[in-house]
Protein backbone atom coordinates (compact mmCIF):
# COMPACT_ATOMS: atom_id res chain seq x y z
CA ILE A 1 120.78 86.37 89.70
CA HIS A 2 119.01 89.19 88.47
CA GLY A 3 116.75 89.40 85.20
CA HIS A 4 116.23 92.54 83.79
CA ARG A 5 113.75 92.97 80.97
CA ASN A 6 115.34 95.16 78.98
CA GLY A 7 114.69 94.38 75.08
CA TRP A 8 111.22 92.90 76.11
CA GLY A 9 109.56 96.29 75.18
CA MET A 10 110.95 95.85 72.04
CA LEU A 11 109.66 91.72 71.29
CA ASN A 12 105.96 92.96 73.33
CA ARG A 13 105.07 96.11 71.57
CA HIS A 14 104.70 95.26 67.63
CA PRO A 15 102.10 92.80 67.32
CA LEU A 16 104.29 90.26 64.74
CA LEU A 17 106.90 90.21 67.64
CA GLY A 18 104.18 90.25 70.57
CA ILE A 19 105.42 88.03 73.33
CA GLU A 20 103.46 88.30 76.81
CA PHE A 21 105.34 88.71 80.10
CA PRO A 22 103.70 84.93 81.09
CA ALA A 23 106.17 83.46 78.38
CA TYR A 24 108.72 85.44 78.48
CA GLN A 25 109.73 85.06 82.39
CA LYS A 26 109.53 81.69 82.11
CA LEU A 27 112.89 82.30 79.77
CA TRP A 28 114.79 83.91 81.92
CA ARG A 29 113.55 80.92 84.66
CA LEU A 30 115.03 78.78 83.03
CA ALA A 31 117.97 80.50 82.58
CA GLY A 32 117.88 80.35 85.98
CA VAL A 33 117.32 83.88 87.82
CA ASP A 34 116.00 84.59 90.97
CA GLN A 35 114.49 87.26 90.71
CA ILE A 36 113.07 89.52 87.59
CA HIS A 37 111.93 93.20 86.82
CA VAL A 38 108.77 93.18 86.38
CA ASN A 39 108.01 97.16 85.89
CA GLY A 40 105.64 98.55 88.75
CA ILE A 41 102.20 100.53 89.32
CA GLN A 42 102.03 103.97 87.70
CA ASN A 43 105.28 103.43 86.27
CA LYS A 44 107.07 106.04 84.56
CA PHE A 45 107.12 104.08 81.01
CA TRP A 46 104.31 102.56 78.44
CA GLU A 47 103.36 99.71 80.76
CA SER A 48 99.97 99.61 81.83
CA ASP A 49 99.11 98.68 85.43
CA ASP A 50 96.82 95.09 84.06
CA SER A 51 99.91 94.29 82.85
CA VAL A 52 102.65 95.17 85.81
CA VAL A 53 99.93 92.85 87.43
CA THR A 54 99.78 90.42 85.30
CA SER A 55 104.02 90.26 85.13
CA ILE A 56 104.05 89.91 89.02
CA GLU A 57 101.59 86.71 89.40
CA SER A 58 103.72 85.07 86.76
CA CYS A 59 106.72 84.88 88.62
CA LEU A 60 104.45 83.43 91.69
CA LYS A 61 102.91 81.23 90.26
CA PRO A 62 105.22 77.75 90.40
CA PHE A 63 107.54 76.69 87.33
CA LEU A 64 109.04 73.43 87.13
CA GLY A 65 108.50 71.44 90.20
CA GLY A 66 107.38 73.92 92.10
CA PHE A 67 109.45 77.31 92.44
CA SER A 68 108.84 80.54 91.98
CA VAL A 69 110.96 84.01 91.18
CA LEU A 70 110.77 86.77 92.96
CA PRO A 71 109.31 89.96 91.14
CA VAL A 72 111.19 93.07 91.54
CA VAL A 73 108.76 96.38 91.40
CA SER A 74 110.71 98.87 90.05
CA SER A 75 110.36 102.50 87.94
CA GLY A 76 109.42 105.32 89.34
CA GLN A 77 108.26 103.85 92.43
CA TRP A 78 107.79 105.91 96.13
CA GLY A 79 105.53 104.66 99.13
CA GLY A 80 102.52 106.03 97.66
CA GLN A 81 102.26 102.87 94.83
CA ALA A 82 102.39 100.18 97.77
CA VAL A 83 98.55 100.64 98.46
CA GLU A 84 97.82 99.87 94.48
CA THR A 85 100.35 96.83 94.47
CA TYR A 86 99.24 95.34 97.30
CA ARG A 87 95.38 95.57 96.53
CA ARG A 88 95.52 94.10 93.30
CA THR A 89 98.23 91.38 93.92
CA LYS A 90 97.87 90.62 97.75
CA THR A 91 101.31 90.16 98.12
CA VAL A 92 104.39 91.52 99.70
CA ASP A 93 106.61 88.22 98.50
CA LEU A 94 108.48 90.71 95.88
CA LEU A 95 111.30 92.85 95.62
CA TYR A 96 110.27 96.81 95.75
CA MET A 97 112.96 99.08 94.78
CA ALA A 98 112.09 102.64 95.31
CA GLY A 99 115.63 104.60 94.97
CA GLY A 100 114.40 107.85 94.50
CA GLY A 101 111.49 107.17 96.72
CA ILE A 102 114.20 106.78 99.39
CA MET A 103 116.90 109.16 98.36
CA ALA A 104 115.41 112.24 97.98
CA HIS A 105 112.89 111.90 101.11
CA PRO A 106 113.06 115.34 102.54
CA SER A 107 114.15 113.63 106.01
CA GLY A 108 116.82 111.99 103.82
CA PRO A 109 117.76 108.15 103.10
CA ALA A 110 116.76 106.92 107.10
CA GLY A 111 113.40 109.09 106.60
CA GLY A 112 112.83 107.59 102.86
CA VAL A 113 113.37 103.57 104.03
CA ILE A 114 110.80 104.92 107.19
CA ALA A 115 108.42 106.08 104.94
CA LEU A 116 108.28 103.09 102.21
CA GLN A 117 107.20 100.48 105.61
CA GLN A 118 104.79 103.01 106.71
CA ALA A 119 103.08 102.85 103.38
CA TRP A 120 103.45 98.82 103.26
CA GLN A 121 102.17 97.96 106.44
CA GLY A 122 99.40 100.55 105.78
CA ALA A 123 98.84 98.84 102.94
CA VAL A 124 98.51 95.59 104.54
CA ASP A 125 96.24 97.33 107.08
CA GLY A 126 93.87 98.45 104.46
CA LEU A 127 94.91 102.03 104.37
CA SER A 128 94.31 104.72 101.97
CA VAL A 129 97.12 106.73 100.96
CA GLN A 130 95.37 109.96 102.53
CA GLU A 131 94.95 107.21 105.82
CA ILE A 132 98.69 106.44 105.82
CA ALA A 133 99.66 109.91 105.43
CA GLN A 134 97.56 111.00 108.36
CA LYS A 135 99.12 108.04 110.51
CA TYR A 136 102.64 108.73 109.80
CA PRO A 137 104.79 111.66 109.49
CA GLU A 138 107.28 110.06 107.24
CA PHE A 139 104.92 109.15 104.54
CA ASN A 140 103.56 112.13 104.91
CA GLN A 141 106.25 113.72 103.94
CA SER A 142 106.79 111.81 100.99
CA VAL A 143 103.16 112.34 100.11
CA SER A 144 104.39 116.48 99.97
CA VAL A 145 107.07 115.56 97.86
CA PHE A 146 106.07 112.49 95.36
CA GLY A 147 102.61 112.76 95.58
CA LYS A 148 101.66 115.79 93.38
CA LYS A 149 102.60 113.19 90.08
C-alpha cells in the first residue's frame, strides 16, 4: 500500500501547525502503508535536501516490532541525483521513481532504464556524476538532457 504525502506541506510549513516527517510517517505506518513518498534530492518543490534525507532515514527506522517502510524517492528525479542520494543516505533500500528521467531519455525508455541503473551502480561505486558519464554512454546521454538544471 502506497502512502503519498499530499497535504504534508500544508501541515509542515506553518509554524503553528508544524508536524515533521518523522512523526507524520508514523501515522501512515499505523494506517498500514508498505511504502511512502519522501520527495527527492534536488527536487522540484520547496523541500530541502536535509529534510528529504531525514524522511528517508525515518522510513528505514524500525517501528512497532522492527518493521520499516520503503521510502519512495521522486520529484523531478533522473540518474544525476542518485549520486547525492546515495552519498547522503548510504542505502539502495528505496524505490527511486524517475518517470521523466526514463521516458524522456534520448534513446527512449529502454535507454532511460539503463542510464538509471548505471547511475546507481556508479553511485554505489563512489563515482561522481562526471565519472559515471565518462564510463557509461546511456548515462552520458542523460547528462546531456537533464544535467542542465
